[in-house]
Protein backbone atom coordinates (compact mmCIF):
# COMPACT_ATOMS: atom_id res chain seq x y z
CA MET A 1 118.60 -9.52 8.19
CA SER A 2 116.75 -11.76 10.62
CA GLY A 3 116.44 -8.77 12.99
CA SER A 4 114.65 -6.74 10.31
CA ILE A 5 112.29 -9.63 9.53
CA SER A 6 111.29 -9.95 13.16
CA SER A 7 110.71 -6.20 13.40
CA ILE A 8 108.55 -6.37 10.27
CA GLY A 9 106.62 -9.21 11.91
CA GLY A 10 106.15 -7.10 15.04
CA VAL A 11 104.93 -4.11 13.01
CA LEU A 12 102.58 -6.38 11.05
CA ALA A 13 101.20 -7.86 14.28
CA ASP A 14 100.64 -4.35 15.67
CA ASP A 15 98.85 -3.31 12.45
CA LEU A 16 96.63 -6.41 12.55
CA GLU A 17 95.73 -5.74 16.18
CA ARG A 18 94.92 -2.08 15.42
CA ILE A 19 92.71 -3.01 12.44
CA ALA A 20 90.90 -5.72 14.42
CA SER A 21 90.31 -3.29 17.27
CA SER A 22 88.86 -0.60 15.00
CA HIS A 23 86.64 -3.19 13.31
CA SER A 24 85.25 -4.43 16.64
CA ASP A 25 84.66 -0.79 17.73
CA ALA A 26 82.63 -0.13 14.57
CA THR A 27 80.62 -3.32 15.08
CA SER A 28 80.01 -2.37 18.70
CA ALA A 29 78.77 1.09 17.65
CA ARG A 30 76.24 -0.51 15.28
CA GLY A 31 75.22 -3.23 17.70
CA GLU A 32 74.78 -6.91 17.07
CA ILE A 33 71.95 -7.91 14.72
CA ILE A 34 69.35 -9.96 16.62
CA THR A 35 65.97 -11.41 15.73
CA ILE A 36 63.19 -11.12 18.30
CA THR A 37 59.53 -12.08 18.37
CA LEU A 38 56.93 -9.66 19.68
CA LEU A 39 53.86 -11.27 21.27
CA PRO A 40 51.21 -8.52 21.47
CA ASP A 41 47.81 -9.04 23.11
CA ASP A 42 45.07 -10.23 20.74
CA VAL A 43 47.30 -9.93 17.66
CA GLU A 44 49.44 -12.40 15.76
CA SER A 45 53.11 -12.56 16.78
CA ILE A 46 55.59 -10.50 14.78
CA THR A 47 59.23 -11.42 14.20
CA ILE A 48 61.60 -8.51 13.63
CA THR A 49 65.32 -7.98 13.20
CA VAL A 50 66.94 -5.20 15.23
CA GLN A 51 70.32 -3.98 16.36
CA SER A 52 71.05 -4.84 19.98
CA ASN A 53 71.96 -1.23 20.77
CA GLN A 54 68.55 0.19 19.73
CA ILE A 55 66.04 1.53 22.28
CA VAL A 56 63.23 -0.96 22.97
CA GLN A 57 60.27 1.46 22.89
CA ASP A 58 61.37 3.06 19.61
CA ILE A 59 61.48 -0.26 17.81
CA ILE A 60 58.23 -1.62 19.29
CA LYS A 61 56.38 1.62 18.54
CA GLU A 62 57.47 1.38 14.91
CA ALA A 63 56.90 -2.38 14.55
CA LEU A 64 53.40 -2.36 16.08
CA ASN A 65 52.40 1.11 14.86
CA PHE A 66 51.52 2.25 18.40
CA SER A 67 50.64 5.83 19.29
CA ALA A 68 52.64 7.81 21.85
CA ALA A 69 49.84 7.26 24.40
CA GLN A 70 49.91 3.50 23.81
CA ILE A 71 53.69 3.45 24.23
CA ARG A 72 53.41 5.26 27.59
CA SER A 73 50.99 2.64 28.94
CA MET A 74 52.55 -0.39 27.26
CA VAL A 75 54.17 -3.12 29.34
CA VAL A 76 56.86 -5.31 27.79
CA SER A 77 58.22 -8.37 29.54
CA LEU A 78 60.76 -11.07 28.88
CA GLY A 79 60.09 -14.34 30.68
CA GLY A 80 57.70 -12.61 33.08
CA GLU A 81 60.24 -9.89 33.99
CA ALA A 82 59.51 -6.28 33.00
CA VAL A 83 61.74 -4.74 30.34
CA ASP A 84 62.90 -1.12 30.76
CA MET A 85 61.47 0.47 27.64
CA THR A 86 63.89 3.43 27.72
CA MET A 87 66.96 1.19 27.60
CA ARG A 88 68.56 -0.71 24.74
CA PHE A 89 67.88 -4.36 23.95
CA ASP A 90 71.37 -5.42 25.07
CA GLU A 91 71.09 -3.43 28.32
CA ASN A 92 67.90 -5.38 29.10
CA GLY A 93 69.65 -8.70 28.44
CA ILE A 94 67.54 -9.32 25.32
CA GLU A 95 69.38 -11.72 23.04
CA ASP A 96 68.86 -13.25 19.62
CA GLY A 97 65.70 -15.37 19.53
CA ALA A 98 64.05 -13.63 22.51
CA ARG A 99 60.25 -13.53 22.78
CA LEU A 100 58.84 -10.31 24.24
CA GLU A 101 55.30 -10.14 25.60
CA VAL A 102 53.71 -6.77 24.75
CA SER A 103 50.60 -5.75 26.72
CA LEU A 104 48.39 -2.71 26.66
CA PRO A 105 46.27 -2.24 29.76
CA ARG A 106 42.55 -2.24 29.18
CA GLU A 107 39.71 -0.93 31.27
CA ALA A 108 38.12 -3.49 33.54
CA THR A 109 34.45 -4.26 33.12
CA PHE A 110 31.99 -3.63 35.93
CA LYS A 111 31.58 -7.38 36.38
CA GLU A 112 35.37 -7.83 36.78
CA ILE A 113 35.52 -5.04 39.36
CA VAL A 114 32.68 -6.55 41.41
CA GLN A 115 34.29 -10.00 41.21
CA ASP A 116 37.61 -8.59 42.45
CA MET A 117 35.86 -6.79 45.30
CA LEU A 118 34.12 -10.02 46.36
CA GLU A 119 37.40 -11.95 46.27
CA LEU A 120 39.23 -9.31 48.30
CA ASN A 121 36.45 -8.85 50.89
CA SER A 122 35.37 -12.21 52.22
CA ASN A 123 32.68 -10.56 54.37
CA CYS A 124 30.84 -9.24 51.24
CA ASN A 125 28.15 -11.24 49.46
CA LYS A 126 26.84 -11.02 45.93
CA VAL A 127 23.15 -10.13 46.23
CA SER A 128 22.09 -9.89 42.59
CA ASN A 129 22.37 -12.66 40.01
CA SER A 130 22.27 -10.10 37.20
CA LEU A 131 26.07 -9.80 37.17
């Protein structure tokens, strides 16, 4: 009788392991739920909840209501390091509580261009005070 009890225990342990494995596979397929904060330029920060296996650009486009053109030029960074927009949050190392800086490039003003040129070319002088 004790042999049959131990075999029942072994079968039960196998069943528990199988169920736990299938549960972790289903959770992995859905991705872990994480909360991140988006810090867009000139707009208030936005906190959103996402699944870690979602694609970064898809979620940011939806959350910030960006056009396709804005998404193509958008730069997202985490701690000063660029995030690959075509990859998932977990593939980029983005974890719960992360703060992502979201920037859209803007056109430089004439004054900014002239200032940059002066800084990069020490032999140039600013002649006009109208800038």
